[in-house]
Amino acid sequence: MGLRERLLDQAAAIACVAERDSAELELLADACEDALRQGHQVVVTALGKNVPICEKFAGTLNSFGLAARFLHSNSAVHGDLGILAPHDLLIVVSKSGATDESLALARLVVDRPIVTWSLTCTASSPLATLTQYNTVVDLEHEGDLWNLAPVNSSIVFLAVFNAIAVELTDRLEVPLERFLHNHPGGAIGRKGGHLADAATPE
């Protein structure tokens, strides 16, 4: 198998999720929308290789002016649980749904007045029994030689969160001006300045 085939394998993993799991993922997008419309936060938590993916999701929502935070599952028990406010949505990401730290966090927030949702690749996981809602993403193979390294699962989680973020901008009618206001730097900022100038009547 060459590089082309490995890229196609990752694309196929995303396509499989789109075909099989889109209805369940719509429910997760609905939960995000409900939380944001009611003035609450979307908080996403994970460990390991899923950390930068969750940070990217929260950062993307922030760039759209939507209230989102990343909560590291390890740091949560050392004071960062203070991130959570009543009625926030907490999304716990874990491929196996059996990671000790994720389970510990889920147990700690069971009695808090928040909405909890797990996102896993494993049906009937321990994590699913601790959260109010659970979405299972179909994953046939990780794409590495041993079916162990977080390759396709990471790609799929990233694609899911990117799709939800863009869907939320549509549902919540996020204006371009808000995004540009929050992203003044880099190539986007430079392009945004040209777009703003073009939109300003003479």
N, C-alpha and C. Protein backbone atom coordinates (compact mmCIF):
# COMPACT_ATOMS: atom_id res chain seq x y z
N MET A 1 0.85 -1.20 0.00
CA MET A 1 0.00 0.00 0.00
C MET A 1 0.88 1.24 0.00
N GLY A 2 0.63 2.18 -0.90
CA GLY A 2 1.40 3.41 -0.97
C GLY A 2 0.68 4.56 -0.30
N LEU A 3 1.29 5.75 -0.39
CA LEU A 3 0.73 6.93 0.27
C LEU A 3 -0.66 7.27 -0.27
N ARG A 4 -0.84 7.14 -1.59
CA ARG A 4 -2.15 7.44 -2.19
C ARG A 4 -3.23 6.58 -1.57
N GLU A 5 -2.95 5.29 -1.42
CA GLU A 5 -3.94 4.37 -0.88
C GLU A 5 -4.24 4.68 0.59
N ARG A 6 -3.21 5.12 1.31
CA ARG A 6 -3.43 5.45 2.72
C ARG A 6 -4.30 6.71 2.86
N LEU A 7 -4.09 7.67 1.98
CA LEU A 7 -4.94 8.85 1.98
C LEU A 7 -6.38 8.49 1.62
N LEU A 8 -6.53 7.62 0.64
CA LEU A 8 -7.87 7.18 0.25
C LEU A 8 -8.54 6.40 1.38
N ASP A 9 -7.75 5.66 2.15
CA ASP A 9 -8.29 4.92 3.28
C ASP A 9 -8.85 5.87 4.34
N GLN A 10 -8.15 6.97 4.57
CA GLN A 10 -8.64 7.96 5.53
C GLN A 10 -9.90 8.63 5.02
N ALA A 11 -9.91 8.95 3.73
CA ALA A 11 -11.11 9.55 3.14
C ALA A 11 -12.30 8.60 3.22
N ALA A 12 -12.03 7.31 3.03
CA ALA A 12 -13.10 6.31 3.09
C ALA A 12 -13.66 6.21 4.50
N ALA A 13 -12.81 6.37 5.50
CA ALA A 13 -13.28 6.33 6.89
C ALA A 13 -14.25 7.47 7.16
N ILE A 14 -13.94 8.66 6.64
CA ILE A 14 -14.85 9.80 6.80
C ILE A 14 -16.15 9.56 6.04
N ALA A 15 -16.04 9.05 4.81
CA ALA A 15 -17.23 8.79 4.00
C ALA A 15 -18.14 7.77 4.68
N CYS A 16 -17.55 6.77 5.33
CA CYS A 16 -18.32 5.75 6.03
C CYS A 16 -19.13 6.38 7.16
N VAL A 17 -18.51 7.27 7.91
CA VAL A 17 -19.21 7.95 9.00
C VAL A 17 -20.34 8.81 8.45
N ALA A 18 -20.09 9.50 7.35
CA ALA A 18 -21.12 10.35 6.75
C ALA A 18 -22.33 9.52 6.32
N GLU A 19 -22.08 8.32 5.80
CA GLU A 19 -23.17 7.47 5.33
C GLU A 19 -23.92 6.81 6.48
N ARG A 20 -23.20 6.35 7.49
CA ARG A 20 -23.82 5.53 8.54
C ARG A 20 -24.28 6.31 9.76
N ASP A 21 -23.58 7.40 10.09
CA ASP A 21 -23.77 8.03 11.39
C ASP A 21 -24.31 9.46 11.33
N SER A 22 -24.64 9.95 10.16
CA SER A 22 -25.02 11.36 10.05
C SER A 22 -26.25 11.71 10.88
N ALA A 23 -27.21 10.80 10.99
CA ALA A 23 -28.42 11.08 11.77
C ALA A 23 -28.09 11.27 13.25
N GLU A 24 -27.22 10.41 13.79
CA GLU A 24 -26.82 10.55 15.19
C GLU A 24 -26.00 11.81 15.40
N LEU A 25 -25.16 12.13 14.45
CA LEU A 25 -24.33 13.33 14.58
C LEU A 25 -25.17 14.60 14.48
N GLU A 26 -26.26 14.54 13.75
CA GLU A 26 -27.18 15.68 13.69
C GLU A 26 -27.72 15.98 15.09
N LEU A 27 -27.97 14.93 15.87
CA LEU A 27 -28.47 15.12 17.23
C LEU A 27 -27.42 15.84 18.09
N LEU A 28 -26.15 15.50 17.89
CA LEU A 28 -25.08 16.18 18.62
C LEU A 28 -25.00 17.64 18.19
N ALA A 29 -25.15 17.90 16.91
CA ALA A 29 -25.17 19.29 16.42
C ALA A 29 -26.36 20.04 17.01
N ASP A 30 -27.51 19.36 17.11
CA ASP A 30 -28.70 19.97 17.72
C ASP A 30 -28.41 20.37 19.17
N ALA A 31 -27.72 19.50 19.91
CA ALA A 31 -27.41 19.79 21.31
C ALA A 31 -26.49 20.99 21.42
N CYS A 32 -25.50 21.07 20.53
CA CYS A 32 -24.61 22.24 20.51
C CYS A 32 -25.41 23.51 20.22
N GLU A 33 -26.29 23.44 19.25
CA GLU A 33 -27.10 24.60 18.89
C GLU A 33 -27.98 25.04 20.06
N ASP A 34 -28.61 24.07 20.72
CA ASP A 34 -29.49 24.40 21.85
C ASP A 34 -28.71 25.10 22.96
N ALA A 35 -27.53 24.57 23.28
CA ALA A 35 -26.73 25.18 24.35
C ALA A 35 -26.35 26.61 24.00
N LEU A 36 -25.91 26.82 22.78
CA LEU A 36 -25.45 28.15 22.37
C LEU A 36 -26.61 29.14 22.28
N ARG A 37 -27.73 28.70 21.79
CA ARG A 37 -28.91 29.60 21.69
C ARG A 37 -29.38 30.04 23.07
N GLN A 38 -29.18 29.19 24.06
CA GLN A 38 -29.64 29.51 25.42
C GLN A 38 -28.57 30.24 26.23
N GLY A 39 -27.46 30.59 25.57
CA GLY A 39 -26.42 31.37 26.24
C GLY A 39 -25.45 30.54 27.05
N HIS A 40 -25.36 29.24 26.76
CA HIS A 40 -24.45 28.37 27.50
C HIS A 40 -23.25 28.00 26.63
N GLN A 41 -22.32 27.26 27.22
CA GLN A 41 -21.09 26.90 26.53
C GLN A 41 -21.14 25.47 25.98
N VAL A 42 -20.36 25.26 24.93
CA VAL A 42 -20.04 23.91 24.49
C VAL A 42 -18.63 23.64 25.01
N VAL A 43 -18.50 22.66 25.89
CA VAL A 43 -17.21 22.31 26.48
C VAL A 43 -16.85 20.91 25.99
N VAL A 44 -15.65 20.76 25.48
CA VAL A 44 -15.23 19.48 24.93
C VAL A 44 -13.98 19.01 25.66
N THR A 45 -13.94 17.72 25.99
CA THR A 45 -12.83 17.20 26.79
C THR A 45 -12.30 15.91 26.19
N ALA A 46 -10.99 15.69 26.34
CA ALA A 46 -10.35 14.51 25.78
C ALA A 46 -8.97 14.34 26.37
N LEU A 47 -8.31 13.25 25.94
CA LEU A 47 -6.94 12.95 26.32
C LEU A 47 -6.13 12.59 25.09
N GLY A 48 -4.81 12.56 25.24
CA GLY A 48 -3.94 12.04 24.19
C GLY A 48 -4.06 12.78 22.87
N LYS A 49 -4.08 12.01 21.79
CA LYS A 49 -4.08 12.58 20.44
C LYS A 49 -5.36 13.33 20.12
N ASN A 50 -6.41 13.11 20.91
CA ASN A 50 -7.66 13.83 20.67
C ASN A 50 -7.66 15.24 21.26
N VAL A 51 -6.64 15.54 22.08
CA VAL A 51 -6.58 16.87 22.69
C VAL A 51 -6.49 17.98 21.65
N PRO A 52 -5.52 17.95 20.71
CA PRO A 52 -5.46 19.04 19.73
C PRO A 52 -6.70 19.11 18.84
N ILE A 53 -7.35 17.98 18.62
CA ILE A 53 -8.57 17.99 17.81
C ILE A 53 -9.68 18.74 18.53
N CYS A 54 -9.81 18.47 19.83
CA CYS A 54 -10.83 19.16 20.61
C CYS A 54 -10.49 20.64 20.80
N GLU A 55 -9.20 20.93 20.97
CA GLU A 55 -8.78 22.33 21.07
C GLU A 55 -9.11 23.07 19.78
N LYS A 56 -8.92 22.40 18.66
CA LYS A 56 -9.21 23.01 17.37
C LYS A 56 -10.70 23.29 17.23
N PHE A 57 -11.54 22.35 17.67
CA PHE A 57 -12.99 22.54 17.62
C PHE A 57 -13.40 23.75 18.45
N ALA A 58 -12.93 23.81 19.69
CA ALA A 58 -13.27 24.94 20.55
C ALA A 58 -12.76 26.25 19.96
N GLY A 59 -11.53 26.22 19.43
CA GLY A 59 -10.97 27.43 18.83
C GLY A 59 -11.72 27.88 17.60
N THR A 60 -12.17 26.94 16.79
CA THR A 60 -12.95 27.29 15.61
C THR A 60 -14.27 27.94 16.00
N LEU A 61 -14.95 27.36 17.00
CA LEU A 61 -16.19 27.98 17.46
C LEU A 61 -15.94 29.37 18.02
N ASN A 62 -14.86 29.53 18.77
CA ASN A 62 -14.52 30.86 19.30
C ASN A 62 -14.31 31.86 18.19
N SER A 63 -13.66 31.44 17.09
CA SER A 63 -13.42 32.37 15.98
C SER A 63 -14.71 32.82 15.33
N PHE A 64 -15.76 32.00 15.48
CA PHE A 64 -17.08 32.38 14.97
C PHE A 64 -17.89 33.15 16.00
N GLY A 65 -17.26 33.41 17.16
CA GLY A 65 -17.96 34.14 18.21
C GLY A 65 -18.91 33.28 19.01
N LEU A 66 -18.69 31.96 19.01
CA LEU A 66 -19.55 31.03 19.73
C LEU A 66 -18.83 30.55 20.98
N ALA A 67 -19.55 30.43 22.07
CA ALA A 67 -18.96 30.14 23.37
C ALA A 67 -18.55 28.68 23.48
N ALA A 68 -17.27 28.42 23.51
CA ALA A 68 -16.75 27.05 23.59
C ALA A 68 -15.46 27.05 24.39
N ARG A 69 -15.22 25.95 25.11
CA ARG A 69 -14.00 25.80 25.90
C ARG A 69 -13.47 24.38 25.73
N PHE A 70 -12.16 24.22 25.89
CA PHE A 70 -11.57 22.90 25.97
C PHE A 70 -11.22 22.61 27.42
N LEU A 71 -11.57 21.43 27.89
CA LEU A 71 -11.28 21.00 29.25
C LEU A 71 -10.45 19.72 29.18
N HIS A 72 -9.19 19.79 29.61
CA HIS A 72 -8.35 18.60 29.60
C HIS A 72 -8.82 17.65 30.70
N SER A 73 -9.02 16.40 30.33
CA SER A 73 -9.57 15.44 31.29
C SER A 73 -8.69 15.27 32.52
N ASN A 74 -7.37 15.42 32.38
CA ASN A 74 -6.47 15.32 33.52
C ASN A 74 -6.56 16.55 34.42
N SER A 75 -6.59 17.71 33.81
CA SER A 75 -6.60 18.96 34.57
C SER A 75 -7.94 19.22 35.26
N ALA A 76 -8.97 18.56 34.79
CA ALA A 76 -10.31 18.80 35.33
C ALA A 76 -10.36 18.60 36.83
N VAL A 77 -9.67 17.56 37.32
CA VAL A 77 -9.75 17.24 38.75
C VAL A 77 -8.83 18.13 39.59
N HIS A 78 -8.10 19.02 38.94
CA HIS A 78 -7.20 19.92 39.66
C HIS A 78 -7.67 21.37 39.55
N GLY A 79 -8.98 21.54 39.51
CA GLY A 79 -9.55 22.88 39.54
C GLY A 79 -10.24 23.33 38.27
N ASP A 80 -9.92 22.69 37.16
CA ASP A 80 -10.49 23.15 35.89
C ASP A 80 -11.96 22.78 35.71
N LEU A 81 -12.51 22.00 36.63
CA LEU A 81 -13.96 21.75 36.59
C LEU A 81 -14.73 23.06 36.72
N GLY A 82 -14.04 24.09 37.23
CA GLY A 82 -14.68 25.40 37.34
C GLY A 82 -15.07 26.00 36.00
N ILE A 83 -14.55 25.43 34.91
CA ILE A 83 -14.95 25.87 33.57
C ILE A 83 -16.44 25.65 33.36
N LEU A 84 -16.96 24.57 33.95
CA LEU A 84 -18.35 24.17 33.70
C LEU A 84 -19.33 25.04 34.48
N ALA A 85 -20.34 25.52 33.77
CA ALA A 85 -21.41 26.30 34.38
C ALA A 85 -22.73 25.55 34.17
N PRO A 86 -23.74 25.84 34.98
CA PRO A 86 -25.03 25.16 34.83
C PRO A 86 -25.55 25.23 33.39
N HIS A 87 -26.03 24.08 32.92
CA HIS A 87 -26.66 23.93 31.61
C HIS A 87 -25.69 23.95 30.43
N ASP A 88 -24.38 23.99 30.72
CA ASP A 88 -23.41 23.82 29.64
C ASP A 88 -23.54 22.42 29.04
N LEU A 89 -23.05 22.27 27.82
CA LEU A 89 -22.96 20.96 27.17
C LEU A 89 -21.52 20.48 27.27
N LEU A 90 -21.30 19.32 27.86
CA LEU A 90 -19.97 18.72 27.96
C LEU A 90 -19.90 17.52 27.03
N ILE A 91 -18.98 17.57 26.06
CA ILE A 91 -18.77 16.46 25.13
C ILE A 91 -17.48 15.76 25.52
N VAL A 92 -17.59 14.48 25.87
CA VAL A 92 -16.44 13.69 26.28
C VAL A 92 -16.03 12.79 25.11
N VAL A 93 -14.83 13.02 24.60
CA VAL A 93 -14.36 12.28 23.42
C VAL A 93 -13.40 11.18 23.86
N SER A 94 -13.70 9.95 23.46
CA SER A 94 -12.84 8.81 23.78
C SER A 94 -13.13 7.70 22.78
N LYS A 95 -12.12 7.29 22.04
CA LYS A 95 -12.33 6.24 21.04
C LYS A 95 -12.90 4.98 21.68
N SER A 96 -12.29 4.53 22.76
CA SER A 96 -12.72 3.29 23.39
C SER A 96 -13.92 3.47 24.30
N GLY A 97 -14.08 4.67 24.82
CA GLY A 97 -15.14 4.89 25.80
C GLY A 97 -14.82 4.20 27.12
N ALA A 98 -13.55 3.88 27.32
CA ALA A 98 -13.14 3.16 28.54
C ALA A 98 -11.90 3.75 29.17
N THR A 99 -11.49 4.93 28.74
CA THR A 99 -10.29 5.57 29.29
C THR A 99 -10.54 5.97 30.74
N ASP A 100 -9.64 5.60 31.64
CA ASP A 100 -9.85 5.82 33.07
C ASP A 100 -10.13 7.28 33.40
N GLU A 101 -9.34 8.20 32.83
CA GLU A 101 -9.51 9.61 33.16
C GLU A 101 -10.85 10.15 32.66
N SER A 102 -11.28 9.69 31.50
CA SER A 102 -12.57 10.14 30.97
C SER A 102 -13.72 9.60 31.82
N LEU A 103 -13.59 8.37 32.26
CA LEU A 103 -14.61 7.78 33.12
C LEU A 103 -14.67 8.50 34.46
N ALA A 104 -13.49 8.83 35.01
CA ALA A 104 -13.45 9.54 36.29
C ALA A 104 -14.11 10.91 36.17
N LEU A 105 -13.84 11.61 35.08
CA LEU A 105 -14.45 12.92 34.87
C LEU A 105 -15.96 12.79 34.73
N ALA A 106 -16.40 11.81 33.95
CA ALA A 106 -17.84 11.62 33.75
C ALA A 106 -18.55 11.35 35.08
N ARG A 107 -17.90 10.58 35.95
CA ARG A 107 -18.50 10.30 37.26
C ARG A 107 -18.59 11.57 38.12
N LEU A 108 -17.57 12.42 38.00
CA LEU A 108 -17.54 13.63 38.82
C LEU A 108 -18.64 14.61 38.47
N VAL A 109 -19.11 14.58 37.23
CA VAL A 109 -20.11 15.59 36.80
C VAL A 109 -21.51 15.02 36.70
N VAL A 110 -21.70 13.78 37.13
CA VAL A 110 -23.02 13.15 37.02
C VAL A 110 -24.10 13.98 37.70
N ASP A 111 -23.77 14.53 38.84
CA ASP A 111 -24.78 15.27 39.62
C ASP A 111 -24.80 16.77 39.33
N ARG A 112 -23.97 17.20 38.40
CA ARG A 112 -23.97 18.63 38.06
C ARG A 112 -25.10 18.93 37.07
N PRO A 113 -25.65 20.14 37.13
CA PRO A 113 -26.76 20.48 36.23
C PRO A 113 -26.27 20.87 34.83
N ILE A 114 -25.61 19.92 34.17
CA ILE A 114 -25.12 20.14 32.82
C ILE A 114 -25.61 19.01 31.93
N VAL A 115 -25.47 19.18 30.62
CA VAL A 115 -25.80 18.13 29.65
C VAL A 115 -24.50 17.42 29.29
N THR A 116 -24.48 16.09 29.41
CA THR A 116 -23.27 15.34 29.10
C THR A 116 -23.50 14.44 27.89
N TRP A 117 -22.50 14.41 27.02
CA TRP A 117 -22.60 13.66 25.77
C TRP A 117 -21.24 13.01 25.50
N SER A 118 -21.23 11.72 25.24
CA SER A 118 -19.98 11.04 24.90
C SER A 118 -19.93 10.77 23.41
N LEU A 119 -18.73 10.86 22.86
CA LEU A 119 -18.47 10.59 21.45
C LEU A 119 -17.39 9.53 21.39
N THR A 120 -17.76 8.33 20.96
CA THR A 120 -16.85 7.20 20.98
C THR A 120 -16.88 6.45 19.65
N CYS A 121 -16.01 5.46 19.55
CA CYS A 121 -16.02 4.57 18.39
C CYS A 121 -16.41 3.15 18.80
N THR A 122 -16.91 3.01 20.03
CA THR A 122 -17.22 1.70 20.58
C THR A 122 -18.63 1.68 21.13
N ALA A 123 -19.43 0.75 20.65
CA ALA A 123 -20.79 0.60 21.14
C ALA A 123 -20.78 0.02 22.55
N SER A 124 -21.77 0.40 23.35
CA SER A 124 -21.94 -0.14 24.71
C SER A 124 -20.69 0.04 25.57
N SER A 125 -20.10 1.22 25.51
CA SER A 125 -18.90 1.48 26.30
C SER A 125 -19.28 1.90 27.72
N PRO A 126 -18.36 1.76 28.67
CA PRO A 126 -18.62 2.25 30.03
C PRO A 126 -18.94 3.74 30.07
N LEU A 127 -18.28 4.51 29.21
CA LEU A 127 -18.53 5.95 29.19
C LEU A 127 -19.97 6.27 28.81
N ALA A 128 -20.52 5.49 27.89
CA ALA A 128 -21.88 5.72 27.44
C ALA A 128 -22.89 5.58 28.58
N THR A 129 -22.57 4.74 29.56
CA THR A 129 -23.49 4.54 30.68
C THR A 129 -23.42 5.69 31.68
N LEU A 130 -22.38 6.51 31.58
CA LEU A 130 -22.19 7.61 32.54
C LEU A 130 -22.65 8.95 31.99
N THR A 131 -22.83 9.06 30.68
CA THR A 131 -23.29 10.31 30.08
C THR A 131 -24.76 10.19 29.69
N GLN A 132 -25.41 11.33 29.62
CA GLN A 132 -26.83 11.32 29.30
C GLN A 132 -27.09 10.88 27.86
N TYR A 133 -26.16 11.23 26.99
CA TYR A 133 -26.30 10.88 25.57
C TYR A 133 -24.97 10.33 25.06
N ASN A 134 -25.05 9.52 24.02
CA ASN A 134 -23.84 8.94 23.44
C ASN A 134 -24.01 8.81 21.94
N THR A 135 -22.96 9.17 21.22
CA THR A 135 -22.92 8.95 19.77
C THR A 135 -21.73 8.06 19.46
N VAL A 136 -22.01 6.97 18.74
CA VAL A 136 -20.96 6.04 18.34
C VAL A 136 -20.63 6.27 16.87
N VAL A 137 -19.37 6.55 16.61
CA VAL A 137 -18.89 6.75 15.25
C VAL A 137 -18.34 5.42 14.73
N ASP A 138 -18.86 4.96 13.61
CA ASP A 138 -18.41 3.69 13.04
C ASP A 138 -16.97 3.81 12.54
N LEU A 139 -16.13 2.90 12.99
CA LEU A 139 -14.74 2.86 12.55
C LEU A 139 -14.36 1.41 12.33
N GLU A 140 -14.09 1.07 11.07
CA GLU A 140 -13.76 -0.32 10.75
C GLU A 140 -12.31 -0.66 11.06
N HIS A 141 -11.41 0.31 10.87
CA HIS A 141 -9.97 0.04 11.05
C HIS A 141 -9.25 1.37 11.24
N GLU A 142 -8.21 1.36 12.08
CA GLU A 142 -7.47 2.59 12.32
C GLU A 142 -6.60 3.00 11.13
N GLY A 143 -6.28 2.07 10.26
CA GLY A 143 -5.48 2.43 9.09
C GLY A 143 -3.99 2.25 9.27
N ASP A 144 -3.55 1.89 10.48
CA ASP A 144 -2.13 1.61 10.68
C ASP A 144 -1.90 0.10 10.54
N LEU A 145 -0.67 -0.34 10.67
CA LEU A 145 -0.33 -1.74 10.45
C LEU A 145 -0.94 -2.68 11.48
N TRP A 146 -1.22 -2.15 12.69
CA TRP A 146 -1.66 -3.03 13.79
C TRP A 146 -3.10 -2.74 14.24
N ASN A 147 -3.74 -1.77 13.60
CA ASN A 147 -5.09 -1.36 14.01
C ASN A 147 -5.09 -0.89 15.47
N LEU A 148 -4.07 -0.13 15.83
CA LEU A 148 -3.93 0.35 17.20
C LEU A 148 -3.73 1.87 17.29
N ALA A 149 -2.89 2.43 16.43
CA ALA A 149 -2.56 3.85 16.51
C ALA A 149 -3.77 4.71 16.14
N PRO A 150 -3.99 5.83 16.85
CA PRO A 150 -5.14 6.70 16.55
C PRO A 150 -4.92 7.48 15.25
N VAL A 151 -5.21 6.84 14.14
CA VAL A 151 -5.04 7.45 12.82
C VAL A 151 -6.40 7.82 12.26
N ASN A 152 -7.15 6.82 11.82
CA ASN A 152 -8.46 7.11 11.24
C ASN A 152 -9.45 7.65 12.26
N SER A 153 -9.34 7.20 13.50
CA SER A 153 -10.25 7.74 14.52
C SER A 153 -10.03 9.23 14.71
N SER A 154 -8.76 9.66 14.72
CA SER A 154 -8.47 11.09 14.87
C SER A 154 -8.98 11.89 13.68
N ILE A 155 -8.77 11.34 12.48
CA ILE A 155 -9.25 12.02 11.26
C ILE A 155 -10.77 12.15 11.29
N VAL A 156 -11.44 11.09 11.73
CA VAL A 156 -12.90 11.10 11.76
C VAL A 156 -13.42 12.10 12.80
N PHE A 157 -12.83 12.10 14.00
CA PHE A 157 -13.26 13.06 15.02
C PHE A 157 -13.05 14.49 14.53
N LEU A 158 -11.92 14.75 13.89
CA LEU A 158 -11.66 16.09 13.36
C LEU A 158 -12.69 16.48 12.32
N ALA A 159 -12.99 15.55 11.41
CA ALA A 159 -13.98 15.84 10.36
C ALA A 159 -15.36 16.09 10.95
N VAL A 160 -15.73 15.31 11.95
CA VAL A 160 -17.04 15.48 12.61
C VAL A 160 -17.13 16.86 13.24
N PHE A 161 -16.10 17.26 13.99
CA PHE A 161 -16.15 18.55 14.65
C PHE A 161 -16.09 19.71 13.66
N ASN A 162 -15.32 19.57 12.59
CA ASN A 162 -15.31 20.61 11.57
C ASN A 162 -16.70 20.77 10.96
N ALA A 163 -17.34 19.64 10.66
CA ALA A 163 -18.68 19.70 10.06
C ALA A 163 -19.68 20.34 11.00
N ILE A 164 -19.61 19.99 12.29
CA ILE A 164 -20.53 20.58 13.26
C ILE A 164 -20.29 22.08 13.38
N ALA A 165 -19.01 22.49 13.41
CA ALA A 165 -18.70 23.92 13.54
C ALA A 165 -19.28 24.72 12.37
N VAL A 166 -19.10 24.21 11.15
CA VAL A 166 -19.61 24.93 9.98
C VAL A 166 -21.15 24.91 9.97
N GLU A 167 -21.72 23.77 10.37
CA GLU A 167 -23.18 23.67 10.43
C GLU A 167 -23.75 24.69 11.42
N LEU A 168 -23.06 24.88 12.54
CA LEU A 168 -23.54 25.84 13.54
C LEU A 168 -23.49 27.27 13.02
N THR A 169 -22.47 27.60 12.24
CA THR A 169 -22.42 28.96 11.68
C THR A 169 -23.62 29.21 10.77
N ASP A 170 -24.07 28.15 10.08
CA ASP A 170 -25.23 28.27 9.21
C ASP A 170 -26.51 28.40 10.03
N ARG A 171 -26.69 27.49 10.99
CA ARG A 171 -27.91 27.50 11.80
C ARG A 171 -28.06 28.78 12.61
N LEU A 172 -26.94 29.28 13.14
CA LEU A 172 -26.97 30.46 14.01
C LEU A 172 -26.74 31.76 13.24
N GLU A 173 -26.61 31.62 11.93
CA GLU A 173 -26.46 32.78 11.04
C GLU A 173 -25.32 33.69 11.50
N VAL A 174 -24.16 33.08 11.69
CA VAL A 174 -22.98 33.85 12.10
C VAL A 174 -22.55 34.74 10.93
N PRO A 175 -22.48 36.04 11.14
CA PRO A 175 -22.09 36.93 10.04
C PRO A 175 -20.59 36.91 9.78
N LEU A 176 -20.21 37.12 8.54
CA LEU A 176 -18.81 37.18 8.17
C LEU A 176 -18.07 38.22 9.00
N GLU A 177 -18.72 39.34 9.29
CA GLU A 177 -18.08 40.43 10.03
C GLU A 177 -17.60 39.96 11.41
N ARG A 178 -18.37 39.09 12.04
CA ARG A 178 -17.97 38.59 13.36
C ARG A 178 -16.70 37.75 13.26
N PHE A 179 -16.66 36.88 12.27
CA PHE A 179 -15.48 36.04 12.07
C PHE A 179 -14.25 36.91 11.79
N LEU A 180 -14.40 37.89 10.92
CA LEU A 180 -13.27 38.76 10.58
C LEU A 180 -12.82 39.58 11.78
N HIS A 181 -13.77 40.00 12.59
CA HIS A 181 -13.44 40.77 13.79
C HIS A 181 -12.59 39.93 14.75
N ASN A 182 -12.89 38.64 14.81
CA ASN A 182 -12.17 37.75 15.71
C ASN A 182 -10.89 37.18 15.12
N HIS A 183 -10.65 37.46 13.84
CA HIS A 183 -9.49 36.87 13.16
C HIS A 183 -8.77 37.94 12.34
N PRO A 184 -8.22 38.95 13.03
CA PRO A 184 -7.58 40.05 12.28
C PRO A 184 -6.19 39.73 11.76
N GLY A 185 -5.58 38.65 12.26
CA GLY A 185 -4.20 38.37 11.90
C GLY A 185 -4.05 37.41 10.73
N GLY A 186 -2.82 37.36 10.19
CA GLY A 186 -2.47 36.40 9.16
C GLY A 186 -3.14 36.64 7.83
N ALA A 187 -3.11 35.60 6.99
CA ALA A 187 -3.68 35.72 5.65
C ALA A 187 -5.17 35.96 5.68
N ILE A 188 -5.86 35.34 6.67
CA ILE A 188 -7.31 35.55 6.79
C ILE A 188 -7.59 37.00 7.12
N GLY A 189 -6.80 37.57 8.03
CA GLY A 189 -7.01 38.98 8.38
C GLY A 189 -6.78 39.89 7.20
N ARG A 190 -5.73 39.61 6.42
CA ARG A 190 -5.46 40.44 5.25
C ARG A 190 -6.58 40.31 4.22
N LYS A 191 -7.02 39.08 3.99
CA LYS A 191 -8.11 38.88 3.04
C LYS A 191 -9.40 39.50 3.57
N GLY A 192 -9.59 39.39 4.88
CA GLY A 192 -10.78 39.96 5.49
C GLY A 192 -10.84 41.46 5.33
N GLY A 193 -9.67 42.13 5.41
CA GLY A 193 -9.65 43.56 5.23
C GLY A 193 -10.11 43.95 3.85
N HIS A 194 -9.71 43.18 2.84
CA HIS A 194 -10.14 43.45 1.46
C HIS A 194 -11.64 43.21 1.32
N LEU A 195 -12.14 42.16 1.97
CA LEU A 195 -13.57 41.85 1.89
C LEU A 195 -14.38 42.96 2.55
N ALA A 196 -13.89 43.44 3.71
CA ALA A 196 -14.59 44.52 4.41
C ALA A 196 -14.61 45.79 3.57
N ASP A 197 -13.47 46.09 2.93
CA ASP A 197 -13.42 47.29 2.09
C ASP A 197 -14.39 47.18 0.92
N ALA A 198 -14.47 45.96 0.36
CA ALA A 198 -15.36 45.77 -0.78
C ALA A 198 -16.83 45.88 -0.38
N ALA A 199 -17.11 45.56 0.88
CA ALA A 199 -18.50 45.60 1.35
C ALA A 199 -18.91 46.98 1.82
N THR A 200 -17.94 47.90 2.00
CA THR A 200 -18.26 49.25 2.49
C THR A 200 -18.69 50.15 1.32
N PRO A 201 -19.90 50.70 1.39
CA PRO A 201 -20.37 51.57 0.31
C PRO A 201 -19.54 52.85 0.22
N GLU A 202 -19.30 53.29 -1.01
CA GLU A 202 -18.50 54.51 -1.20
C GLU A 202 -19.35 55.75 -0.93
